[in-house]
Amino acid sequence: VRAFVLQGLRALNLTADDFDDEAGQIDGTTAHAIERSIGILTEEAGL
């Protein structure tokens, strides 16, 4: 990935409080939402 795509995540101001406790989830968590957001943000950046 072009590094800017990940560098820009700094602007989300994410902390530990934003992430779910681990319970074996395979969907519906902040981590899964960020996985999708990286795709959205890549295209939003014109990439």
ModelCIF file with pLDDT and N, C-alpha, C, O atoms, coordinates in Angstrom:
data_MODEL
#
_entry.id   MODEL 
#
_entity.id                         1 
_entity.type                       polymer 
_entity.pdbx_number_of_molecules   1 
#
_entity_poly.entity_id                      1 
_entity_poly.type                           'polypeptide(L)' 
_entity_poly.nstd_linkage                   no 
_entity_poly.nstd_monomer                   no 
_entity_poly.pdbx_seq_one_letter_code       VRAFVLQGLRALNLTADDFDDEAGQIDGTTAHAIERSIGILTEEAGL 
_entity_poly.pdbx_seq_one_letter_code_can   VRAFVLQGLRALNLTADDFDDEAGQIDGTTAHAIERSIGILTEEAGL 
_entity_poly.pdbx_strand_id                 A 
#
loop_
_entity_poly_seq.entity_id 
_entity_poly_seq.num 
_entity_poly_seq.mon_id 
_entity_poly_seq.hetero 
1 1  VAL n 
1 2  ARG n 
1 3  ALA n 
1 4  PHE n 
1 5  VAL n 
1 6  LEU n 
1 7  GLN n 
1 8  GLY n 
1 9  LEU n 
1 10 ARG n 
1 11 ALA n 
1 12 LEU n 
1 13 ASN n 
1 14 LEU n 
1 15 THR n 
1 16 ALA n 
1 17 ASP n 
1 18 ASP n 
1 19 PHE n 
1 20 ASP n 
1 21 ASP n 
1 22 GLU n 
1 23 ALA n 
1 24 GLY n 
1 25 GLN n 
1 26 ILE n 
1 27 ASP n 
1 28 GLY n 
1 29 THR n 
1 30 THR n 
1 31 ALA n 
1 32 HIS n 
1 33 ALA n 
1 34 ILE n 
1 35 GLU n 
1 36 ARG n 
1 37 SER n 
1 38 ILE n 
1 39 GLY n 
1 40 ILE n 
1 41 LEU n 
1 42 THR n 
1 43 GLU n 
1 44 GLU n 
1 45 ALA n 
1 46 GLY n 
1 47 LEU n 
#
_struct_asym.id          A 
_struct_asym.entity_id   1 
#
loop_
_ma_qa_metric.id 
_ma_qa_metric.mode 
_ma_qa_metric.name 
_ma_qa_metric.software_group_id 
_ma_qa_metric.type 
1 global pLDDT . pLDDT 
2 local  pLDDT . pLDDT 
#
_ma_qa_metric_global.metric_id      1 
_ma_qa_metric_global.metric_value   95.85 
_ma_qa_metric_global.model_id       1 
_ma_qa_metric_global.ordinal_id     1 
#
loop_
_ma_qa_metric_local.label_asym_id 
_ma_qa_metric_local.label_comp_id 
_ma_qa_metric_local.label_seq_id 
_ma_qa_metric_local.metric_id 
_ma_qa_metric_local.metric_value 
_ma_qa_metric_local.model_id 
_ma_qa_metric_local.ordinal_id 
A VAL 1  2 98.00 1 1  
A ARG 2  2 98.00 1 2  
A ALA 3  2 98.00 1 3  
A PHE 4  2 98.00 1 4  
A VAL 5  2 98.00 1 5  
A LEU 6  2 98.00 1 6  
A GLN 7  2 98.00 1 7  
A GLY 8  2 98.00 1 8  
A LEU 9  2 98.00 1 9  
A ARG 10 2 97.00 1 10 
A ALA 11 2 97.00 1 11 
A LEU 12 2 97.00 1 12 
A ASN 13 2 96.00 1 13 
A LEU 14 2 96.00 1 14 
A THR 15 2 96.00 1 15 
A ALA 16 2 95.00 1 16 
A ASP 17 2 95.00 1 17 
A ASP 18 2 96.00 1 18 
A PHE 19 2 95.00 1 19 
A ASP 20 2 93.00 1 20 
A ASP 21 2 91.00 1 21 
A GLU 22 2 88.00 1 22 
A ALA 23 2 87.00 1 23 
A GLY 24 2 86.00 1 24 
A GLN 25 2 88.00 1 25 
A ILE 26 2 89.00 1 26 
A ASP 27 2 92.00 1 27 
A GLY 28 2 94.00 1 28 
A THR 29 2 96.00 1 29 
A THR 30 2 97.00 1 30 
A ALA 31 2 96.00 1 31 
A HIS 32 2 97.00 1 32 
A ALA 33 2 97.00 1 33 
A ILE 34 2 98.00 1 34 
A GLU 35 2 98.00 1 35 
A ARG 36 2 98.00 1 36 
A SER 37 2 98.00 1 37 
A ILE 38 2 98.00 1 38 
A GLY 39 2 98.00 1 39 
A ILE 40 2 98.00 1 40 
A LEU 41 2 98.00 1 41 
A THR 42 2 98.00 1 42 
A GLU 43 2 98.00 1 43 
A GLU 44 2 98.00 1 44 
A ALA 45 2 98.00 1 45 
A GLY 46 2 98.00 1 46 
A LEU 47 2 98.00 1 47 
#
loop_
_atom_site.group_PDB 
_atom_site.id 
_atom_site.type_symbol 
_atom_site.label_atom_id 
_atom_site.label_alt_id 
_atom_site.label_comp_id 
_atom_site.label_asym_id 
_atom_site.label_entity_id 
_atom_site.label_seq_id 
_atom_site.pdbx_PDB_ins_code 
_atom_site.Cartn_x 
_atom_site.Cartn_y 
_atom_site.Cartn_z 
_atom_site.occupancy 
_atom_site.B_iso_or_equiv 
_atom_site.pdbx_formal_charge 
_atom_site.auth_seq_id 
_atom_site.auth_comp_id 
_atom_site.auth_asym_id 
_atom_site.auth_atom_id 
_atom_site.pdbx_PDB_model_num 
ATOM 1   N N  . VAL A 1 1  ? 0.843   -1.202  0.000  1.00 98.00 ? 1  VAL A N  1 
ATOM 2   C CA . VAL A 1 1  ? 0.000   0.000   0.000  1.00 98.00 ? 1  VAL A CA 1 
ATOM 3   C C  . VAL A 1 1  ? 0.875   1.247   0.000  1.00 98.00 ? 1  VAL A C  1 
ATOM 4   O O  . VAL A 1 1  ? 1.947   1.283   0.603  1.00 98.00 ? 1  VAL A O  1 
ATOM 5   N N  . ARG A 1 2  ? 0.384   2.262   -0.693 1.00 98.00 ? 2  ARG A N  1 
ATOM 6   C CA . ARG A 1 2  ? 1.063   3.554   -0.621 1.00 98.00 ? 2  ARG A CA 1 
ATOM 7   C C  . ARG A 1 2  ? 0.980   4.030   0.828  1.00 98.00 ? 2  ARG A C  1 
ATOM 8   O O  . ARG A 1 2  ? -0.099  4.026   1.421  1.00 98.00 ? 2  ARG A O  1 
ATOM 9   N N  . ALA A 1 3  ? 2.100   4.434   1.392  1.00 98.00 ? 3  ALA A N  1 
ATOM 10  C CA . ALA A 1 3  ? 2.176   4.668   2.835  1.00 98.00 ? 3  ALA A CA 1 
ATOM 11  C C  . ALA A 1 3  ? 1.191   5.723   3.304  1.00 98.00 ? 3  ALA A C  1 
ATOM 12  O O  . ALA A 1 3  ? 0.711   5.649   4.435  1.00 98.00 ? 3  ALA A O  1 
ATOM 13  N N  . PHE A 1 4  ? 0.874   6.708   2.462  1.00 98.00 ? 4  PHE A N  1 
ATOM 14  C CA . PHE A 1 4  ? -0.054  7.758   2.900  1.00 98.00 ? 4  PHE A CA 1 
ATOM 15  C C  . PHE A 1 4  ? -1.393  7.189   3.341  1.00 98.00 ? 4  PHE A C  1 
ATOM 16  O O  . PHE A 1 4  ? -2.010  7.698   4.277  1.00 98.00 ? 4  PHE A O  1 
ATOM 17  N N  . VAL A 1 5  ? -1.846  6.130   2.669  1.00 98.00 ? 5  VAL A N  1 
ATOM 18  C CA . VAL A 1 5  ? -3.150  5.555   3.026  1.00 98.00 ? 5  VAL A CA 1 
ATOM 19  C C  . VAL A 1 5  ? -3.177  5.181   4.503  1.00 98.00 ? 5  VAL A C  1 
ATOM 20  O O  . VAL A 1 5  ? -4.174  5.413   5.187  1.00 98.00 ? 5  VAL A O  1 
ATOM 21  N N  . LEU A 1 6  ? -2.082  4.601   4.994  1.00 98.00 ? 6  LEU A N  1 
ATOM 22  C CA . LEU A 1 6  ? -2.010  4.227   6.407  1.00 98.00 ? 6  LEU A CA 1 
ATOM 23  C C  . LEU A 1 6  ? -1.658  5.419   7.285  1.00 98.00 ? 6  LEU A C  1 
ATOM 24  O O  . LEU A 1 6  ? -2.204  5.555   8.380  1.00 98.00 ? 6  LEU A O  1 
ATOM 25  N N  . GLN A 1 7  ? -0.763  6.281   6.833  1.00 98.00 ? 7  GLN A N  1 
ATOM 26  C CA . GLN A 1 7  ? -0.400  7.464   7.625  1.00 98.00 ? 7  GLN A CA 1 
ATOM 27  C C  . GLN A 1 7  ? -1.628  8.307   7.949  1.00 98.00 ? 7  GLN A C  1 
ATOM 28  O O  . GLN A 1 7  ? -1.735  8.865   9.040  1.00 98.00 ? 7  GLN A O  1 
ATOM 29  N N  . GLY A 1 8  ? -2.551  8.395   6.998  1.00 98.00 ? 8  GLY A N  1 
ATOM 30  C CA . GLY A 1 8  ? -3.743  9.208   7.203  1.00 98.00 ? 8  GLY A CA 1 
ATOM 31  C C  . GLY A 1 8  ? -4.657  8.716   8.304  1.00 98.00 ? 8  GLY A C  1 
ATOM 32  O O  . GLY A 1 8  ? -5.489  9.473   8.804  1.00 98.00 ? 8  GLY A O  1 
ATOM 33  N N  . LEU A 1 9  ? -4.511  7.432   8.696  1.00 98.00 ? 9  LEU A N  1 
ATOM 34  C CA . LEU A 1 9  ? -5.342  6.907   9.785  1.00 98.00 ? 9  LEU A CA 1 
ATOM 35  C C  . LEU A 1 9  ? -5.109  7.662   11.086 1.00 98.00 ? 9  LEU A C  1 
ATOM 36  O O  . LEU A 1 9  ? -5.943  7.614   11.990 1.00 98.00 ? 9  LEU A O  1 
ATOM 37  N N  . ARG A 1 10 ? -3.976  8.362   11.186 1.00 97.00 ? 10 ARG A N  1 
ATOM 38  C CA . ARG A 1 10 ? -3.708  9.183   12.375 1.00 97.00 ? 10 ARG A CA 1 
ATOM 39  C C  . ARG A 1 10 ? -4.853  10.162  12.639 1.00 97.00 ? 10 ARG A C  1 
ATOM 40  O O  . ARG A 1 10 ? -5.144  10.478  13.792 1.00 97.00 ? 10 ARG A O  1 
ATOM 41  N N  . ALA A 1 11 ? -5.502  10.641  11.576 1.00 97.00 ? 11 ALA A N  1 
ATOM 42  C CA . ALA A 1 11 ? -6.562  11.634  11.715 1.00 97.00 ? 11 ALA A CA 1 
ATOM 43  C C  . ALA A 1 11 ? -7.836  11.054  12.325 1.00 97.00 ? 11 ALA A C  1 
ATOM 44  O O  . ALA A 1 11 ? -8.737  11.809  12.689 1.00 97.00 ? 11 ALA A O  1 
ATOM 45  N N  . LEU A 1 12 ? -7.928  9.736   12.443 1.00 97.00 ? 12 LEU A N  1 
ATOM 46  C CA . LEU A 1 12 ? -9.090  9.120   13.098 1.00 97.00 ? 12 LEU A CA 1 
ATOM 47  C C  . LEU A 1 12 ? -8.994  9.179   14.614 1.00 97.00 ? 12 LEU A C  1 
ATOM 48  O O  . LEU A 1 12 ? -9.985  8.941   15.303 1.00 97.00 ? 12 LEU A O  1 
ATOM 49  N N  . ASN A 1 13 ? -7.826  9.492   15.140 1.00 96.00 ? 13 ASN A N  1 
ATOM 50  C CA . ASN A 1 13 ? -7.641  9.608   16.585 1.00 96.00 ? 13 ASN A CA 1 
ATOM 51  C C  . ASN A 1 13 ? -8.132  8.368   17.329 1.00 96.00 ? 13 ASN A C  1 
ATOM 52  O O  . ASN A 1 13 ? -8.893  8.460   18.292 1.00 96.00 ? 13 ASN A O  1 
ATOM 53  N N  . LEU A 1 14 ? -7.682  7.217   16.861 1.00 96.00 ? 14 LEU A N  1 
ATOM 54  C CA . LEU A 1 14 ? -8.083  5.944   17.458 1.00 96.00 ? 14 LEU A CA 1 
ATOM 55  C C  . LEU A 1 14 ? -7.239  5.626   18.681 1.00 96.00 ? 14 LEU A C  1 
ATOM 56  O O  . LEU A 1 14 ? -6.034  5.875   18.701 1.00 96.00 ? 14 LEU A O  1 
ATOM 57  N N  . THR A 1 15 ? -7.880  5.078   19.691 1.00 96.00 ? 15 THR A N  1 
ATOM 58  C CA . THR A 1 15 ? -7.200  4.637   20.905 1.00 96.00 ? 15 THR A CA 1 
ATOM 59  C C  . THR A 1 15 ? -7.712  3.249   21.279 1.00 96.00 ? 15 THR A C  1 
ATOM 60  O O  . THR A 1 15 ? -8.585  2.698   20.609 1.00 96.00 ? 15 THR A O  1 
ATOM 61  N N  . ALA A 1 16 ? -7.167  2.696   22.342 1.00 95.00 ? 16 ALA A N  1 
ATOM 62  C CA . ALA A 1 16 ? -7.596  1.365   22.785 1.00 95.00 ? 16 ALA A CA 1 
ATOM 63  C C  . ALA A 1 16 ? -9.090  1.327   23.084 1.00 95.00 ? 16 ALA A C  1 
ATOM 64  O O  . ALA A 1 16 ? -9.734  0.293   22.904 1.00 95.00 ? 16 ALA A O  1 
ATOM 65  N N  . ASP A 1 17 ? -9.645  2.450   23.541 1.00 95.00 ? 17 ASP A N  1 
ATOM 66  C CA . ASP A 1 17 ? -11.072 2.491   23.859 1.00 95.00 ? 17 ASP A CA 1 
ATOM 67  C C  . ASP A 1 17 ? -11.956 2.260   22.644 1.00 95.00 ? 17 ASP A C  1 
ATOM 68  O O  . ASP A 1 17 ? -13.129 1.913   22.788 1.00 95.00 ? 17 ASP A O  1 
ATOM 69  N N  . ASP A 1 18 ? -11.413 2.446   21.458 1.00 96.00 ? 18 ASP A N  1 
ATOM 70  C CA . ASP A 1 18 ? -12.192 2.282   20.236 1.00 96.00 ? 18 ASP A CA 1 
ATOM 71  C C  . ASP A 1 18 ? -12.289 0.828   19.787 1.00 96.00 ? 18 ASP A C  1 
ATOM 72  O O  . ASP A 1 18 ? -13.026 0.524   18.849 1.00 96.00 ? 18 ASP A O  1 
ATOM 73  N N  . PHE A 1 19 ? -11.564 -0.067  20.436 1.00 95.00 ? 19 PHE A N  1 
ATOM 74  C CA . PHE A 1 19 ? -11.496 -1.451  19.963 1.00 95.00 ? 19 PHE A CA 1 
ATOM 75  C C  . PHE A 1 19 ? -12.177 -2.406  20.935 1.00 95.00 ? 19 PHE A C  1 
ATOM 76  O O  . PHE A 1 19 ? -12.130 -2.236  22.153 1.00 95.00 ? 19 PHE A O  1 
ATOM 77  N N  . ASP A 1 20 ? -12.812 -3.415  20.347 1.00 93.00 ? 20 ASP A N  1 
ATOM 78  C CA . ASP A 1 20 ? -13.563 -4.397  21.123 1.00 93.00 ? 20 ASP A CA 1 
ATOM 79  C C  . ASP A 1 20 ? -12.627 -5.324  21.894 1.00 93.00 ? 20 ASP A C  1 
ATOM 80  O O  . ASP A 1 20 ? -11.493 -5.567  21.483 1.00 93.00 ? 20 ASP A O  1 
ATOM 81  N N  . ASP A 1 21 ? -13.121 -5.833  23.012 1.00 91.00 ? 21 ASP A N  1 
ATOM 82  C CA . ASP A 1 21 ? -12.428 -6.918  23.689 1.00 91.00 ? 21 ASP A CA 1 
ATOM 83  C C  . ASP A 1 21 ? -12.409 -8.139  22.767 1.00 91.00 ? 21 ASP A C  1 
ATOM 84  O O  . ASP A 1 21 ? -13.382 -8.404  22.062 1.00 91.00 ? 21 ASP A O  1 
ATOM 85  N N  . GLU A 1 22 ? -11.321 -8.867  22.777 1.00 88.00 ? 22 GLU A N  1 
ATOM 86  C CA . GLU A 1 22 ? -11.207 -10.034 21.906 1.00 88.00 ? 22 GLU A CA 1 
ATOM 87  C C  . GLU A 1 22 ? -12.081 -11.180 22.431 1.00 88.00 ? 22 GLU A C  1 
ATOM 88  O O  . GLU A 1 22 ? -11.978 -11.599 23.585 1.00 88.00 ? 22 GLU A O  1 
ATOM 89  N N  . ALA A 1 23 ? -12.956 -11.673 21.522 1.00 87.00 ? 23 ALA A N  1 
ATOM 90  C CA . ALA A 1 23 ? -13.823 -12.796 21.885 1.00 87.00 ? 23 ALA A CA 1 
ATOM 91  C C  . ALA A 1 23 ? -14.011 -13.730 20.691 1.00 87.00 ? 23 ALA A C  1 
ATOM 92  O O  . ALA A 1 23 ? -15.047 -14.382 20.562 1.00 87.00 ? 23 ALA A O  1 
ATOM 93  N N  . GLY A 1 24 ? -13.014 -13.791 19.828 1.00 86.00 ? 24 GLY A N  1 
ATOM 94  C CA . GLY A 1 24 ? -13.081 -14.682 18.677 1.00 86.00 ? 24 GLY A CA 1 
ATOM 95  C C  . GLY A 1 24 ? -13.999 -14.204 17.566 1.00 86.00 ? 24 GLY A C  1 
ATOM 96  O O  . GLY A 1 24 ? -14.399 -15.003 16.719 1.00 86.00 ? 24 GLY A O  1 
ATOM 97  N N  . GLN A 1 25 ? -14.351 -12.899 17.544 1.00 88.00 ? 25 GLN A N  1 
ATOM 98  C CA . GLN A 1 25 ? -15.271 -12.390 16.529 1.00 88.00 ? 25 GLN A CA 1 
ATOM 99  C C  . GLN A 1 25 ? -14.669 -12.519 15.134 1.00 88.00 ? 25 GLN A C  1 
ATOM 100 O O  . GLN A 1 25 ? -13.465 -12.350 14.942 1.00 88.00 ? 25 GLN A O  1 
ATOM 101 N N  . ILE A 1 26 ? -15.533 -12.822 14.164 1.00 89.00 ? 26 ILE A N  1 
ATOM 102 C CA . ILE A 1 26 ? -15.087 -12.852 12.765 1.00 89.00 ? 26 ILE A CA 1 
ATOM 103 C C  . ILE A 1 26 ? -15.782 -11.759 11.956 1.00 89.00 ? 26 ILE A C  1 
ATOM 104 O O  . ILE A 1 26 ? -15.662 -11.723 10.732 1.00 89.00 ? 26 ILE A O  1 
ATOM 105 N N  . ASP A 1 27 ? -16.512 -10.863 12.638 1.00 92.00 ? 27 ASP A N  1 
ATOM 106 C CA . ASP A 1 27 ? -17.226 -9.785  11.956 1.00 92.00 ? 27 ASP A CA 1 
ATOM 107 C C  . ASP A 1 27 ? -17.747 -8.819  13.021 1.00 92.00 ? 27 ASP A C  1 
ATOM 108 O O  . ASP A 1 27 ? -17.818 -9.155  14.203 1.00 92.00 ? 27 ASP A O  1 
ATOM 109 N N  . GLY A 1 28 ? -18.113 -7.608  12.575 1.00 94.00 ? 28 GLY A N  1 
ATOM 110 C CA . GLY A 1 28 ? -18.817 -6.678  13.449 1.00 94.00 ? 28 GLY A CA 1 
ATOM 111 C C  . GLY A 1 28 ? -17.965 -6.032  14.517 1.00 94.00 ? 28 GLY A C  1 
ATOM 112 O O  . GLY A 1 28 ? -18.475 -5.726  15.595 1.00 94.00 ? 28 GLY A O  1 
ATOM 113 N N  . THR A 1 29 ? -16.680 -5.812  14.259 1.00 96.00 ? 29 THR A N  1 
ATOM 114 C CA . THR A 1 29 ? -15.814 -5.139  15.225 1.00 96.00 ? 29 THR A CA 1 
ATOM 115 C C  . THR A 1 29 ? -15.165 -3.919  14.581 1.00 96.00 ? 29 THR A C  1 
ATOM 116 O O  . THR A 1 29 ? -15.240 -3.729  13.367 1.00 96.00 ? 29 THR A O  1 
ATOM 117 N N  . THR A 1 30 ? -14.539 -3.111  15.397 1.00 97.00 ? 30 THR A N  1 
ATOM 118 C CA . THR A 1 30 ? -13.816 -1.948  14.887 1.00 97.00 ? 30 THR A CA 1 
ATOM 119 C C  . THR A 1 30 ? -12.726 -2.370  13.917 1.00 97.00 ? 30 THR A C  1 
ATOM 120 O O  . THR A 1 30 ? -12.516 -1.717  12.895 1.00 97.00 ? 30 THR A O  1 
ATOM 121 N N  . ALA A 1 31 ? -12.031 -3.454  14.228 1.00 96.00 ? 31 ALA A N  1 
ATOM 122 C CA . ALA A 1 31 ? -10.971 -3.916  13.331 1.00 96.00 ? 31 ALA A CA 1 
ATOM 123 C C  . ALA A 1 31 ? -11.523 -4.235  11.950 1.00 96.00 ? 31 ALA A C  1 
ATOM 124 O O  . ALA A 1 31 ? -10.900 -3.897  10.944 1.00 96.00 ? 31 ALA A O  1 
ATOM 125 N N  . HIS A 1 32 ? -12.677 -4.876  11.887 1.00 97.00 ? 32 HIS A N  1 
ATOM 126 C CA . HIS A 1 32 ? -13.280 -5.184  10.595 1.00 97.00 ? 32 HIS A CA 1 
ATOM 127 C C  . HIS A 1 32 ? -13.728 -3.911  9.884  1.00 97.00 ? 32 HIS A C  1 
ATOM 128 O O  . HIS A 1 32 ? -13.631 -3.813  8.660  1.00 97.00 ? 32 HIS A O  1 
ATOM 129 N N  . ALA A 1 33 ? -14.214 -2.946  10.641 1.00 97.00 ? 33 ALA A N  1 
ATOM 130 C CA . ALA A 1 33 ? -14.632 -1.671  10.030 1.00 97.00 ? 33 ALA A CA 1 
ATOM 131 C C  . ALA A 1 33 ? -13.434 -0.923  9.459  1.00 97.00 ? 33 ALA A C  1 
ATOM 132 O O  . ALA A 1 33 ? -13.533 -0.316  8.393  1.00 97.00 ? 33 ALA A O  1 
ATOM 133 N N  . ILE A 1 34 ? -12.310 -0.961  10.156 1.00 98.00 ? 34 ILE A N  1 
ATOM 134 C CA . ILE A 1 34 ? -11.110 -0.287  9.641  1.00 98.00 ? 34 ILE A CA 1 
ATOM 135 C C  . ILE A 1 34 ? -10.603 -0.987  8.389  1.00 98.00 ? 34 ILE A C  1 
ATOM 136 O O  . ILE A 1 34 ? -10.139 -0.331  7.458  1.00 98.00 ? 34 ILE A O  1 
ATOM 137 N N  . GLU A 1 35 ? -10.686 -2.295  8.358  1.00 98.00 ? 35 GLU A N  1 
ATOM 138 C CA . GLU A 1 35 ? -10.296 -3.045  7.162  1.00 98.00 ? 35 GLU A CA 1 
ATOM 139 C C  . GLU A 1 35 ? -11.067 -2.526  5.945  1.00 98.00 ? 35 GLU A C  1 
ATOM 140 O O  . GLU A 1 35 ? -10.488 -2.337  4.875  1.00 98.00 ? 35 GLU A O  1 
ATOM 141 N N  . ARG A 1 36 ? -12.362 -2.299  6.112  1.00 98.00 ? 36 ARG A N  1 
ATOM 142 C CA . ARG A 1 36 ? -13.181 -1.761  5.030  1.00 98.00 ? 36 ARG A CA 1 
ATOM 143 C C  . ARG A 1 36 ? -12.889 -0.280  4.796  1.00 98.00 ? 36 ARG A C  1 
ATOM 144 O O  . ARG A 1 36 ? -12.889 0.188   3.658  1.00 98.00 ? 36 ARG A O  1 
ATOM 145 N N  . SER A 1 37 ? -12.645 0.438   5.863  1.00 98.00 ? 37 SER A N  1 
ATOM 146 C CA . SER A 1 37 ? -12.359 1.867   5.735  1.00 98.00 ? 37 SER A CA 1 
ATOM 147 C C  . SER A 1 37 ? -11.092 2.118   4.928  1.00 98.00 ? 37 SER A C  1 
ATOM 148 O O  . SER A 1 37 ? -11.018 3.101   4.190  1.00 98.00 ? 37 SER A O  1 
ATOM 149 N N  . ILE A 1 38 ? -10.102 1.253   5.055  1.00 98.00 ? 38 ILE A N  1 
ATOM 150 C CA . ILE A 1 38 ? -8.856  1.443   4.303  1.00 98.00 ? 38 ILE A CA 1 
ATOM 151 C C  . ILE A 1 38 ? -9.138  1.418   2.803  1.00 98.00 ? 38 ILE A C  1 
ATOM 152 O O  . ILE A 1 38 ? -8.538  2.183   2.046  1.00 98.00 ? 38 ILE A O  1 
ATOM 153 N N  . GLY A 1 39 ? -10.042 0.550   2.371  1.00 98.00 ? 39 GLY A N  1 
ATOM 154 C CA . GLY A 1 39 ? -10.434 0.554   0.962  1.00 98.00 ? 39 GLY A CA 1 
ATOM 155 C C  . GLY A 1 39 ? -11.154 1.834   0.578  1.00 98.00 ? 39 GLY A C  1 
ATOM 156 O O  . GLY A 1 39 ? -10.867 2.430   -0.460 1.00 98.00 ? 39 GLY A O  1 
ATOM 157 N N  . ILE A 1 40 ? -12.093 2.256   1.422  1.00 98.00 ? 40 ILE A N  1 
ATOM 158 C CA . ILE A 1 40 ? -12.847 3.487   1.153  1.00 98.00 ? 40 ILE A CA 1 
ATOM 159 C C  . ILE A 1 40 ? -11.906 4.687   1.089  1.00 98.00 ? 40 ILE A C  1 
ATOM 160 O O  . ILE A 1 40 ? -12.018 5.519   0.189  1.00 98.00 ? 40 ILE A O  1 
ATOM 161 N N  . LEU A 1 41 ? -10.991 4.778   2.032  1.00 98.00 ? 41 LEU A N  1 
ATOM 162 C CA . LEU A 1 41 ? -10.091 5.928   2.109  1.00 98.00 ? 41 LEU A CA 1 
ATOM 163 C C  . LEU A 1 41 ? -9.071  5.932   0.984  1.00 98.00 ? 41 LEU A C  1 
ATOM 164 O O  . LEU A 1 41 ? -8.658  6.995   0.522  1.00 98.00 ? 41 LEU A O  1 
ATOM 165 N N  . THR A 1 42 ? -8.662  4.749   0.539  1.00 98.00 ? 42 THR A N  1 
ATOM 166 C CA . THR A 1 42 ? -7.758  4.681   -0.612 1.00 98.00 ? 42 THR A CA 1 
ATOM 167 C C  . THR A 1 42 ? -8.402  5.354   -1.819 1.00 98.00 ? 42 THR A C  1 
ATOM 168 O O  . THR A 1 42 ? -7.771  6.163   -2.499 1.00 98.00 ? 42 THR A O  1 
ATOM 169 N N  . GLU A 1 43 ? -9.650  5.017   -2.077 1.00 98.00 ? 43 GLU A N  1 
ATOM 170 C CA . GLU A 1 43 ? -10.331 5.602   -3.230 1.00 98.00 ? 43 GLU A CA 1 
ATOM 171 C C  . GLU A 1 43 ? -10.694 7.059   -2.993 1.00 98.00 ? 43 GLU A C  1 
ATOM 172 O O  . GLU A 1 43 ? -10.688 7.853   -3.934 1.00 98.00 ? 43 GLU A O  1 
ATOM 173 N N  . GLU A 1 44 ? -11.006 7.423   -1.768 1.00 98.00 ? 44 GLU A N  1 
ATOM 174 C CA . GLU A 1 44 ? -11.291 8.830   -1.469 1.00 98.00 ? 44 GLU A CA 1 
ATOM 175 C C  . GLU A 1 44 ? -10.073 9.698   -1.748 1.00 98.00 ? 44 GLU A C  1 
ATOM 176 O O  . GLU A 1 44 ? -10.211 10.864  -2.117 1.00 98.00 ? 44 GLU A O  1 
ATOM 177 N N  . ALA A 1 45 ? -8.878  9.136   -1.572 1.00 98.00 ? 45 ALA A N  1 
ATOM 178 C CA . ALA A 1 45 ? -7.638  9.871   -1.828 1.00 98.00 ? 45 ALA A CA 1 
ATOM 179 C C  . ALA A 1 45 ? -7.304  9.961   -3.312 1.00 98.00 ? 45 ALA A C  1 
ATOM 180 O O  . ALA A 1 45 ? -6.277  10.533  -3.680 1.00 98.00 ? 45 ALA A O  1 
ATOM 181 N N  . GLY A 1 46 ? -8.161  9.402   -4.173 1.00 98.00 ? 46 GLY A N  1 
ATOM 182 C CA . GLY A 1 46 ? -7.899  9.423   -5.602 1.00 98.00 ? 46 GLY A CA 1 
ATOM 183 C C  . GLY A 1 46 ? -7.002  8.303   -6.059 1.00 98.00 ? 46 GLY A C  1 
ATOM 184 O O  . GLY A 1 46 ? -6.424  8.372   -7.144 1.00 98.00 ? 46 GLY A O  1 
ATOM 185 N N  . LEU A 1 47 ? -6.874  7.262   -5.242 1.00 98.00 ? 47 LEU A N  1 
ATOM 186 C CA . LEU A 1 47 ? -5.993  6.133   -5.537 1.00 98.00 ? 47 LEU A CA 1 
ATOM 187 C C  . LEU A 1 47 ? -6.820  4.891   -5.872 1.00 98.00 ? 47 LEU A C  1 
ATOM 188 O O  . LEU A 1 47 ? -6.259  3.832   -6.150 1.00 98.00 ? 47 LEU A O  1 
#
